[in-house]
């Protein structure tokens, strides 16, 4: 009797183990891969109310994301491309009343334009339900820091933005996005006037970095003096000195020598002019004096 119970328990344990292994097999198929160079990356943004700018939650209490506004150039919401740097235009064709009020929140920094992108490519099922409806676990935040000025009847929006994306180190996580951000540039000088009903052109300078480190671009002293500039100045000084030396030795020095020699010859009475002679008479026309003395 005990043997029968032991065999039944062993069989149940084996069946449970087999079921567990079988249940883990689909997880291998759900593991996400890596981005390929140039693969599209969808951008979705946090949905907010136009009254207070508060975020909107779905029926499950999760933050609700919606696709980035449609770009007039492509007819699709904004998409980035893995590893592809470009200067891209995304013109939002029509600023609605709701979107205009959201822009006021974004520019006044009452509520940021909070977006996100998938760290890895979406699976087929996630593509079917839409990137905006997928879980936040496999996404990384991407804040669009819009700058500008608020006016009573319109907005001045700094529509030139730098978009910076960092890929995870290739040695450990190839084809994975680590972090991203976007921000307006020149908010005091390069803006576009926007009212309800206008189009909003966004000019995006998209740059990728292969690691999480940001390379330094400030190599000079004060951003003006560089080693190459110093070498260039030294070469200019050397070339100028060589040219001056060649001019002095080839042109100016011979000219001064000829003038000096001519001055010395004129001082000895050998120049063709009128001068006074030496003696009691006065000089002849060739500059040699003649007196009343004896002449041979």
C-alpha atoms as a PDB file:
ATOM      1  CA  UNK A   1       0.000   0.000   0.000  1.00  0.00           C
ATOM      2  CA  UNK A   2       2.825   2.353   0.899  1.00  0.00           C
ATOM      3  CA  UNK A   3       4.631   1.392  -2.296  1.00  0.00           C
ATOM      4  CA  UNK A   4       1.559   2.268  -4.351  1.00  0.00           C
ATOM      5  CA  UNK A   5       1.285   5.690  -2.664  1.00  0.00           C
ATOM      6  CA  UNK A   6       4.981   6.351  -3.230  1.00  0.00           C
ATOM      7  CA  UNK A   7       4.689   5.494  -6.911  1.00  0.00           C
ATOM      8  CA  UNK A   8       1.633   7.757  -7.282  1.00  0.00           C
ATOM      9  CA  UNK A   9       3.439  10.646  -5.598  1.00  0.00           C
ATOM     10  CA  UNK A  10       6.479  10.151  -7.825  1.00  0.00           C
ATOM     11  CA  UNK A  11       4.303  10.081 -10.937  1.00  0.00           C
ATOM     12  CA  UNK A  12       2.528  13.265  -9.827  1.00  0.00           C
ATOM     13  CA  UNK A  13       5.852  15.003  -9.216  1.00  0.00           C
ATOM     14  CA  UNK A  14       7.156  14.039 -12.647  1.00  0.00           C
ATOM     15  CA  UNK A  15       3.948  15.230 -14.273  1.00  0.00           C
ATOM     16  CA  UNK A  16       4.169  18.558 -12.464  1.00  0.00           C
ATOM     17  CA  UNK A  17       7.790  18.977 -13.489  1.00  0.00           C
ATOM     18  CA  UNK A  18       6.953  18.183 -17.100  1.00  0.00           C
ATOM     19  CA  UNK A  19       4.108  20.702 -17.025  1.00  0.00           C
ATOM     20  CA  UNK A  20       6.445  23.337 -15.595  1.00  0.00           C
ATOM     21  CA  UNK A  21       8.992  22.739 -18.341  1.00  0.00           C
ATOM     22  CA  UNK A  22       6.251  22.824 -20.943  1.00  0.00           C
ATOM     23  CA  UNK A  23       4.958  26.064 -19.462  1.00  0.00           C
ATOM     24  CA  UNK A  24       8.424  27.663 -19.729  1.00  0.00           C
ATOM     25  CA  UNK A  25       8.931  26.792 -23.372  1.00  0.00           C
ATOM     26  CA  UNK A  26       6.849  29.666 -24.771  1.00  0.00           C
ATOM     27  CA  UNK A  27       8.923  32.126 -22.757  1.00  0.00           C
ATOM     28  CA  UNK A  28      11.856  31.448 -25.025  1.00  0.00           C
ATOM     29  CA  UNK A  29       9.748  32.471 -28.001  1.00  0.00           C
ATOM     30  CA  UNK A  30       8.626  35.652 -26.205  1.00  0.00           C
ATOM     31  CA  UNK A  31      12.154  36.839 -25.576  1.00  0.00           C
ATOM     32  CA  UNK A  32      12.679  39.968 -27.625  1.00  0.00           C
ATOM     33  CA  UNK A  33      15.523  40.359 -30.012  1.00  0.00           C
ATOM     34  CA  UNK A  34      17.671  43.325 -30.915  1.00  0.00           C
ATOM     35  CA  UNK A  35      17.204  46.236 -33.249  1.00  0.00           C
ATOM     36  CA  UNK A  36      18.756  46.032 -36.671  1.00  0.00           C
ATOM     37  CA  UNK A  37      20.417  49.074 -38.164  1.00  0.00           C
ATOM     38  CA  UNK A  38      17.739  51.346 -39.582  1.00  0.00           C
ATOM     39  CA  UNK A  39      14.820  49.534 -37.936  1.00  0.00           C
ATOM     40  CA  UNK A  40      11.854  51.779 -37.103  1.00  0.00           C
ATOM     41  CA  UNK A  41      11.254  52.801 -33.483  1.00  0.00           C
ATOM     42  CA  UNK A  42       7.731  54.047 -32.641  1.00  0.00           C
ATOM     43  CA  UNK A  43       7.302  57.009 -30.305  1.00  0.00           C
ATOM     44  CA  UNK A  44       4.295  57.200 -27.977  1.00  0.00           C
ATOM     45  CA  UNK A  45       3.504  59.959 -25.484  1.00  0.00           C
ATOM     46  CA  UNK A  46       1.638  60.216 -22.214  1.00  0.00           C
ATOM     47  CA  UNK A  47      -1.993  61.216 -22.627  1.00  0.00           C
ATOM     48  CA  UNK A  48      -2.943  64.300 -20.594  1.00  0.00           C
ATOM     49  CA  UNK A  49      -6.092  66.272 -19.923  1.00  0.00           C
ATOM     50  CA  UNK A  50      -6.349  69.771 -21.370  1.00  0.00           C
ATOM     51  CA  UNK A  51      -7.863  71.188 -18.173  1.00  0.00           C
ATOM     52  CA  UNK A  52      -5.084  70.534 -15.682  1.00  0.00           C
ATOM     53  CA  UNK A  53      -2.428  68.684 -17.672  1.00  0.00           C
ATOM     54  CA  UNK A  54      -2.790  65.631 -15.445  1.00  0.00           C
ATOM     55  CA  UNK A  55      -2.029  62.253 -16.955  1.00  0.00           C
ATOM     56  CA  UNK A  56      -4.833  59.963 -18.035  1.00  0.00           C
ATOM     57  CA  UNK A  57      -5.107  56.381 -16.777  1.00  0.00           C
ATOM     58  CA  UNK A  58      -6.835  53.446 -18.399  1.00  0.00           C
ATOM     59  CA  UNK A  59      -9.397  51.119 -16.818  1.00  0.00           C
ATOM     60  CA  UNK A  60      -6.614  49.085 -15.206  1.00  0.00           C
ATOM     61  CA  UNK A  61      -5.085  52.149 -13.559  1.00  0.00           C
ATOM     62  CA  UNK A  62      -2.089  52.164 -15.902  1.00  0.00           C
ATOM     63  CA  UNK A  63      -0.774  55.343 -17.483  1.00  0.00           C
ATOM     64  CA  UNK A  64      -2.281  55.777 -20.915  1.00  0.00           C
ATOM     65  CA  UNK A  65       0.024  56.443 -23.838  1.00  0.00           C
ATOM     66  CA  UNK A  66      -1.024  57.635 -27.286  1.00  0.00           C
ATOM     67  CA  UNK A  67       1.007  57.760 -30.518  1.00  0.00           C
ATOM     68  CA  UNK A  68       3.054  60.869 -31.222  1.00  0.00           C
ATOM     69  CA  UNK A  69       1.166  63.324 -33.486  1.00  0.00           C
ATOM     70  CA  UNK A  70       1.162  62.414 -37.170  1.00  0.00           C
ATOM     71  CA  UNK A  71       3.896  63.942 -39.311  1.00  0.00           C
ATOM     72  CA  UNK A  72       2.724  65.481 -42.558  1.00  0.00           C
ATOM     73  CA  UNK A  73       5.872  64.294 -44.358  1.00  0.00           C
ATOM     74  CA  UNK A  74       5.210  60.577 -43.754  1.00  0.00           C
ATOM     75  CA  UNK A  75       1.512  60.413 -42.871  1.00  0.00           C
ATOM     76  CA  UNK A  76       2.487  58.415 -39.764  1.00  0.00           C
ATOM     77  CA  UNK A  77       3.302  59.237 -36.145  1.00  0.00           C
ATOM     78  CA  UNK A  78       6.895  60.152 -35.514  1.00  0.00           C
ATOM     79  CA  UNK A  79       9.325  57.244 -35.862  1.00  0.00           C
ATOM     80  CA  UNK A  80      13.039  57.073 -35.176  1.00  0.00           C
ATOM     81  CA  UNK A  81      15.411  54.635 -36.846  1.00  0.00           C
ATOM     82  CA  UNK A  82      17.974  52.670 -34.908  1.00  0.00           C
ATOM     83  CA  UNK A  83      21.492  53.986 -35.472  1.00  0.00           C
ATOM     84  CA  UNK A  84      20.414  56.326 -38.265  1.00  0.00           C
ATOM     85  CA  UNK A  85      21.417  59.959 -37.823  1.00  0.00           C
ATOM     86  CA  UNK A  86      19.519  62.576 -39.799  1.00  0.00           C
ATOM     87  CA  UNK A  87      17.977  66.024 -39.802  1.00  0.00           C
ATOM     88  CA  UNK A  88      14.294  65.185 -39.982  1.00  0.00           C
ATOM     89  CA  UNK A  89      11.230  67.389 -40.400  1.00  0.00           C
ATOM     90  CA  UNK A  90       7.983  66.434 -38.702  1.00  0.00           C
ATOM     91  CA  UNK A  91       5.228  68.911 -39.502  1.00  0.00           C
ATOM     92  CA  UNK A  92       2.098  68.543 -37.419  1.00  0.00           C
ATOM     93  CA  UNK A  93      -0.452  69.665 -40.034  1.00  0.00           C
ATOM     94  CA  UNK A  94      -3.129  71.112 -37.745  1.00  0.00           C
ATOM     95  CA  UNK A  95      -2.880  72.379 -34.168  1.00  0.00           C
ATOM     96  CA  UNK A  96      -6.233  71.652 -32.601  1.00  0.00           C
ATOM     97  CA  UNK A  97      -7.664  73.548 -29.653  1.00  0.00           C
ATOM     98  CA  UNK A  98      -6.868  70.636 -27.334  1.00  0.00           C
ATOM     99  CA  UNK A  99      -3.315  70.285 -28.599  1.00  0.00           C
ATOM    100  CA  UNK A 100      -2.776  74.057 -28.331  1.00  0.00           C
ATOM    101  CA  UNK A 101      -3.649  73.972 -24.627  1.00  0.00           C
ATOM    102  CA  UNK A 102      -1.327  71.016 -24.126  1.00  0.00           C
ATOM    103  CA  UNK A 103       1.452  72.985 -25.821  1.00  0.00           C
ATOM    104  CA  UNK A 104       0.890  75.714 -23.247  1.00  0.00           C
ATOM    105  CA  UNK A 105       1.488  73.163 -20.483  1.00  0.00           C
ATOM    106  CA  UNK A 106       4.586  71.836 -22.237  1.00  0.00           C
ATOM    107  CA  UNK A 107       6.184  75.243 -22.812  1.00  0.00           C
ATOM    108  CA  UNK A 108       5.321  76.595 -19.368  1.00  0.00           C
ATOM    109  CA  UNK A 109       6.762  73.398 -17.842  1.00  0.00           C
ATOM    110  CA  UNK A 110       3.567  72.723 -15.935  1.00  0.00           C
ATOM    111  CA  UNK A 111       3.584  69.267 -17.484  1.00  0.00           C
ATOM    112  CA  UNK A 112       6.342  67.876 -19.692  1.00  0.00           C
ATOM    113  CA  UNK A 113       5.856  66.212 -23.055  1.00  0.00           C
ATOM    114  CA  UNK A 114       6.596  62.765 -21.665  1.00  0.00           C
ATOM    115  CA  UNK A 115       7.138  60.133 -24.335  1.00  0.00           C
ATOM    116  CA  UNK A 116       8.687  56.698 -24.490  1.00  0.00           C
ATOM    117  CA  UNK A 117      10.273  54.302 -26.987  1.00  0.00           C
ATOM    118  CA  UNK A 118      10.730  50.516 -26.856  1.00  0.00           C
ATOM    119  CA  UNK A 119      14.161  49.480 -25.648  1.00  0.00           C
ATOM    120  CA  UNK A 120      13.936  46.388 -27.888  1.00  0.00           C
ATOM    121  CA  UNK A 121      11.841  45.652 -30.983  1.00  0.00           C
ATOM    122  CA  UNK A 122       8.188  44.955 -30.293  1.00  0.00           C
ATOM    123  CA  UNK A 123       6.838  41.483 -30.789  1.00  0.00           C
ATOM    124  CA  UNK A 124       4.216  40.698 -33.397  1.00  0.00           C
ATOM    125  CA  UNK A 125       1.411  40.709 -30.830  1.00  0.00           C
ATOM    126  CA  UNK A 126       2.556  44.074 -29.476  1.00  0.00           C
ATOM    127  CA  UNK A 127       2.567  45.494 -32.986  1.00  0.00           C
ATOM    128  CA  UNK A 128      -0.997  44.309 -33.403  1.00  0.00           C
ATOM    129  CA  UNK A 129      -2.284  46.021 -30.248  1.00  0.00           C
ATOM    130  CA  UNK A 130      -0.184  49.106 -30.935  1.00  0.00           C
ATOM    131  CA  UNK A 131       2.981  50.450 -29.311  1.00  0.00           C
ATOM    132  CA  UNK A 132       1.008  52.906 -27.167  1.00  0.00           C
ATOM    133  CA  UNK A 133      -0.908  50.083 -25.453  1.00  0.00           C
ATOM    134  CA  UNK A 134       2.090  47.929 -24.567  1.00  0.00           C
ATOM    135  CA  UNK A 135       3.551  47.545 -21.097  1.00  0.00           C
ATOM    136  CA  UNK A 136       5.929  50.157 -19.742  1.00  0.00           C
ATOM    137  CA  UNK A 137       8.426  47.552 -18.547  1.00  0.00           C
ATOM    138  CA  UNK A 138      10.283  47.301 -21.844  1.00  0.00           C
ATOM    139  CA  UNK A 139      10.207  51.009 -22.656  1.00  0.00           C
ATOM    140  CA  UNK A 140      12.543  53.821 -21.785  1.00  0.00           C
ATOM    141  CA  UNK A 141      11.347  57.385 -21.113  1.00  0.00           C
ATOM    142  CA  UNK A 142      12.012  60.129 -23.633  1.00  0.00           C
ATOM    143  CA  UNK A 143      11.198  63.678 -22.528  1.00  0.00           C
ATOM    144  CA  UNK A 144      10.695  66.335 -25.214  1.00  0.00           C
ATOM    145  CA  UNK A 145      11.727  69.553 -23.453  1.00  0.00           C
ATOM    146  CA  UNK A 146       9.893  72.130 -25.556  1.00  0.00           C
ATOM    147  CA  UNK A 147      10.846  75.766 -24.994  1.00  0.00           C
ATOM    148  CA  UNK A 148       9.206  78.980 -26.090  1.00  0.00           C
ATOM    149  CA  UNK A 149       7.151  81.932 -24.951  1.00  0.00           C
ATOM    150  CA  UNK A 150       3.508  82.193 -23.967  1.00  0.00           C
ATOM    151  CA  UNK A 151       1.453  85.093 -25.311  1.00  0.00           C
ATOM    152  CA  UNK A 152      -2.192  85.947 -24.782  1.00  0.00           C
ATOM    153  CA  UNK A 153      -3.277  84.932 -28.263  1.00  0.00           C
ATOM    154  CA  UNK A 154      -0.455  82.768 -29.596  1.00  0.00           C
ATOM    155  CA  UNK A 155       2.684  80.802 -28.765  1.00  0.00           C
ATOM    156  CA  UNK A 156       6.307  81.201 -29.804  1.00  0.00           C
ATOM    157  CA  UNK A 157       7.673  77.656 -29.965  1.00  0.00           C
ATOM    158  CA  UNK A 158      11.357  76.804 -30.330  1.00  0.00           C
ATOM    159  CA  UNK A 159      10.773  74.175 -32.998  1.00  0.00           C
ATOM    160  CA  UNK A 160      14.419  73.178 -33.567  1.00  0.00           C
ATOM    161  CA  UNK A 161      15.178  70.198 -31.363  1.00  0.00           C
ATOM    162  CA  UNK A 162      18.193  68.028 -30.699  1.00  0.00           C
ATOM    163  CA  UNK A 163      17.277  64.356 -30.283  1.00  0.00           C
ATOM    164  CA  UNK A 164      19.968  62.315 -28.518  1.00  0.00           C
ATOM    165  CA  UNK A 165      19.826  58.538 -28.166  1.00  0.00           C
ATOM    166  CA  UNK A 166      22.257  56.182 -26.439  1.00  0.00           C
ATOM    167  CA  UNK A 167      22.556  52.541 -27.383  1.00  0.00           C
ATOM    168  CA  UNK A 168      23.574  50.000 -24.784  1.00  0.00           C
ATOM    169  CA  UNK A 169      27.158  48.725 -25.126  1.00  0.00           C
ATOM    170  CA  UNK A 170      27.374  46.333 -28.033  1.00  0.00           C
ATOM    171  CA  UNK A 171      29.552  43.919 -26.088  1.00  0.00           C
ATOM    172  CA  UNK A 172      26.811  43.243 -23.532  1.00  0.00           C
ATOM    173  CA  UNK A 173      23.483  44.293 -25.074  1.00  0.00           C
ATOM    174  CA  UNK A 174      23.764  44.735 -28.831  1.00  0.00           C
ATOM    175  CA  UNK A 175      20.827  46.368 -30.584  1.00  0.00           C
ATOM    176  CA  UNK A 176      19.265  47.730 -27.368  1.00  0.00           C
ATOM    177  CA  UNK A 177      18.433  51.362 -26.586  1.00  0.00           C
ATOM    178  CA  UNK A 178      19.630  52.555 -23.197  1.00  0.00           C
ATOM    179  CA  UNK A 179      18.372  56.154 -22.919  1.00  0.00           C
ATOM    180  CA  UNK A 180      17.039  59.064 -24.953  1.00  0.00           C
ATOM    181  CA  UNK A 181      16.076  62.706 -24.654  1.00  0.00           C
ATOM    182  CA  UNK A 182      15.087  65.699 -26.798  1.00  0.00           C
ATOM    183  CA  UNK A 183      15.248  69.434 -26.172  1.00  0.00           C
ATOM    184  CA  UNK A 184      14.693  72.726 -27.968  1.00  0.00           C
ATOM    185  CA  UNK A 185      17.635  74.865 -29.064  1.00  0.00           C
ATOM    186  CA  UNK A 186      17.923  78.649 -29.427  1.00  0.00           C
ATOM    187  CA  UNK A 187      14.595  79.388 -27.677  1.00  0.00           C
ATOM    188  CA  UNK A 188      15.269  83.137 -27.659  1.00  0.00           C
ATOM    189  CA  UNK A 189      16.026  83.562 -31.362  1.00  0.00           C
ATOM    190  CA  UNK A 190      14.661  80.646 -33.417  1.00  0.00           C
ATOM    191  CA  UNK A 191      10.958  80.217 -32.783  1.00  0.00           C
ATOM    192  CA  UNK A 192       7.781  79.833 -34.810  1.00  0.00           C
ATOM    193  CA  UNK A 193       4.559  81.702 -34.088  1.00  0.00           C
ATOM    194  CA  UNK A 194       1.687  79.268 -33.568  1.00  0.00           C
ATOM    195  CA  UNK A 195      -2.055  79.745 -33.135  1.00  0.00           C
ATOM    196  CA  UNK A 196      -4.959  77.313 -33.215  1.00  0.00           C
ATOM    197  CA  UNK A 197      -5.342  75.951 -36.727  1.00  0.00           C
ATOM    198  CA  UNK A 198      -1.725  76.470 -37.782  1.00  0.00           C
ATOM    199  CA  UNK A 199       0.740  73.807 -38.783  1.00  0.00           C
ATOM    200  CA  UNK A 200       3.638  73.192 -36.397  1.00  0.00           C
ATOM    201  CA  UNK A 201       6.905  72.305 -38.148  1.00  0.00           C
ATOM    202  CA  UNK A 202       9.359  70.432 -35.931  1.00  0.00           C
ATOM    203  CA  UNK A 203      12.963  70.204 -37.102  1.00  0.00           C
ATOM    204  CA  UNK A 204      14.733  67.306 -35.405  1.00  0.00           C
ATOM    205  CA  UNK A 205      18.507  66.824 -35.396  1.00  0.00           C
ATOM    206  CA  UNK A 206      18.776  63.121 -34.508  1.00  0.00           C
ATOM    207  CA  UNK A 207      22.108  61.855 -33.205  1.00  0.00           C
ATOM    208  CA  UNK A 208      23.088  58.411 -31.890  1.00  0.00           C
ATOM    209  CA  UNK A 209      25.847  57.402 -29.486  1.00  0.00           C
ATOM    210  CA  UNK A 210      27.128  53.807 -29.358  1.00  0.00           C
ATOM    211  CA  UNK A 211      27.532  53.781 -25.569  1.00  0.00           C
ATOM    212  CA  UNK A 212      26.114  55.552 -22.546  1.00  0.00           C
ATOM    213  CA  UNK A 213      29.107  57.891 -22.439  1.00  0.00           C
ATOM    214  CA  UNK A 214      28.716  61.311 -24.007  1.00  0.00           C
ATOM    215  CA  UNK A 215      31.857  62.334 -25.930  1.00  0.00           C
ATOM    216  CA  UNK A 216      33.303  65.716 -25.092  1.00  0.00           C
ATOM    217  CA  UNK A 217      32.975  68.374 -27.748  1.00  0.00           C
ATOM    218  CA  UNK A 218      34.601  71.150 -25.735  1.00  0.00           C
ATOM    219  CA  UNK A 219      38.281  70.499 -26.477  1.00  0.00           C
ATOM    220  CA  UNK A 220      39.480  74.101 -26.652  1.00  0.00           C
ATOM    221  CA  UNK A 221      40.111  76.731 -23.983  1.00  0.00           C
ATOM    222  CA  UNK A 222      36.892  78.660 -23.793  1.00  0.00           C
ATOM    223  CA  UNK A 223      35.734  76.980 -26.977  1.00  0.00           C
ATOM    224  CA  UNK A 224      37.941  79.225 -29.128  1.00  0.00           C
ATOM    225  CA  UNK A 225      41.619  78.230 -28.788  1.00  0.00           C
ATOM    226  CA  UNK A 226      42.421  74.788 -30.140  1.00  0.00           C
ATOM    227  CA  UNK A 227      45.764  73.086 -30.763  1.00  0.00           C
ATOM    228  CA  UNK A 228      45.175  73.231 -34.505  1.00  0.00           C
ATOM    229  CA  UNK A 229      44.550  76.977 -34.225  1.00  0.00           C
ATOM    230  CA  UNK A 230      47.841  77.429 -32.351  1.00  0.00           C
ATOM    231  CA  UNK A 231      49.758  75.461 -34.996  1.00  0.00           C
ATOM    232  CA  UNK A 232      48.102  77.498 -37.738  1.00  0.00           C
ATOM    233  CA  UNK A 233      49.141  80.767 -36.048  1.00  0.00           C
ATOM    234  CA  UNK A 234      52.744  79.558 -35.662  1.00  0.00           C
ATOM    235  CA  UNK A 235      52.887  78.539 -39.320  1.00  0.00           C
ATOM    236  CA  UNK A 236      51.533  81.944 -40.354  1.00  0.00           C
ATOM    237  CA  UNK A 237      54.158  83.704 -38.254  1.00  0.00           C
ATOM    238  CA  UNK A 238      56.935  81.585 -39.770  1.00  0.00           C
ATOM    239  CA  UNK A 239      55.718  82.127 -43.315  1.00  0.00           C
ATOM    240  CA  UNK A 240      55.437  85.887 -42.768  1.00  0.00           C
ATOM    241  CA  UNK A 241      58.967  86.083 -41.328  1.00  0.00           C
ATOM    242  CA  UNK A 242      60.376  84.083 -44.262  1.00  0.00           C
ATOM    243  CA  UNK A 243      58.636  86.335 -46.785  1.00  0.00           C
ATOM    244  CA  UNK A 244      59.920  89.479 -45.060  1.00  0.00           C
ATOM    245  CA  UNK A 245      63.485  88.109 -44.969  1.00  0.00           C
ATOM    246  CA  UNK A 246      63.371  87.159 -48.636  1.00  0.00           C
ATOM    247  CA  UNK A 247      62.080  90.603 -49.612  1.00  0.00           C
ATOM    248  CA  UNK A 248      64.717  92.392 -47.551  1.00  0.00           C
ATOM    249  CA  UNK A 249      67.641  90.349 -48.887  1.00  0.00           C
ATOM    250  CA  UNK A 250      66.460  90.185 -52.482  1.00  0.00           C
ATOM    251  CA  UNK A 251      64.996  93.678 -52.993  1.00  0.00           C
ATOM    252  CA  UNK A 252      65.459  96.140 -50.180  1.00  0.00           C
ATOM    253  CA  UNK A 253      69.068  95.391 -49.227  1.00  0.00           C
ATOM    254  CA  UNK A 254      70.484  95.637 -52.806  1.00  0.00           C
ATOM    255  CA  UNK A 255      68.566  98.881 -53.347  1.00  0.00           C
ATOM    256  CA  UNK A 256      70.015 100.383 -50.190  1.00  0.00           C
ATOM    257  CA  UNK A 257      73.518  99.292 -51.192  1.00  0.00           C
ATOM    258  CA  UNK A 258      73.199 100.965 -54.589  1.00  0.00           C
ATOM    259  CA  UNK A 259      71.911 104.162 -53.006  1.00  0.00           C
ATOM    260  CA  UNK A 260      74.746 104.161 -50.477  1.00  0.00           C
ATOM    261  CA  UNK A 261      77.354 103.714 -53.189  1.00  0.00           C
ATOM    262  CA  UNK A 262      75.885 106.501 -55.271  1.00  0.00           C
ATOM    263  CA  UNK A 263      75.904 108.829 -52.263  1.00  0.00           C
ATOM    264  CA  UNK A 264      79.574 108.103 -51.600  1.00  0.00           C
ATOM    265  CA  UNK A 265      80.547 108.770 -55.226  1.00  0.00           C
ATOM    266  CA  UNK A 266      78.681 112.102 -55.189  1.00  0.00           C
ATOM    267  CA  UNK A 267      80.505 113.206 -52.050  1.00  0.00           C
ATOM    268  CA  UNK A 268      83.953 112.820 -53.770  1.00  0.00           C
ATOM    269  CA  UNK A 269      83.097 115.249 -56.586  1.00  0.00           C
ATOM    270  CA  UNK A 270      82.660 112.570 -59.222  1.00  0.00           C
ATOM    271  CA  UNK A 271      79.052 113.331 -60.006  1.00  0.00           C
ATOM    272  CA  UNK A 272      78.215 115.307 -63.098  1.00  0.00           C
ATOM    273  CA  UNK A 273      77.199 118.654 -61.591  1.00  0.00           C
ATOM    274  CA  UNK A 274      78.489 122.110 -60.813  1.00  0.00           C
ATOM    275  CA  UNK A 275      80.728 122.518 -57.804  1.00  0.00           C
ATOM    276  CA  UNK A 276      83.416 124.679 -56.367  1.00  0.00           C
ATOM    277  CA  UNK A 277      87.047 123.690 -57.019  1.00  0.00           C
ATOM    278  CA  UNK A 278      89.995 123.714 -54.740  1.00  0.00           C
ATOM    279  CA  UNK A 279      92.408 126.645 -55.128  1.00  0.00           C
ATOM    280  CA  UNK A 280      92.113 130.362 -55.709  1.00  0.00           C
ATOM    281  CA  UNK A 281      89.890 130.118 -58.770  1.00  0.00           C
ATOM    282  CA  UNK A 282      86.488 128.669 -59.036  1.00  0.00           C
ATOM    283  CA  UNK A 283      85.498 125.353 -60.354  1.00  0.00           C
ATOM    284  CA  UNK A 284      84.868 124.381 -63.915  1.00  0.00           C
ATOM    285  CA  UNK A 285      81.725 122.835 -65.129  1.00  0.00           C
ATOM    286  CA  UNK A 286      82.843 119.261 -64.493  1.00  0.00           C
ATOM    287  CA  UNK A 287      83.375 119.853 -60.860  1.00  0.00           C
ATOM    288  CA  UNK A 288      87.192 119.982 -60.867  1.00  0.00           C
ATOM    289  CA  UNK A 289      88.692 123.282 -59.609  1.00  0.00           C
ATOM    290  CA  UNK A 290      91.302 125.191 -61.666  1.00  0.00           C
ATOM    291  CA  UNK A 291      93.572 127.856 -60.186  1.00  0.00           C
ATOM    292  CA  UNK A 292      96.177 130.220 -61.603  1.00  0.00           C
ATOM    293  CA  UNK A 293      98.984 127.860 -60.748  1.00  0.00           C
ATOM    294  CA  UNK A 294     101.232 126.083 -63.190  1.00  0.00           C
ATOM    295  CA  UNK A 295      99.656 123.413 -65.283  1.00  0.00           C
ATOM    296  CA  UNK A 296     101.481 120.739 -67.187  1.00  0.00           C
END
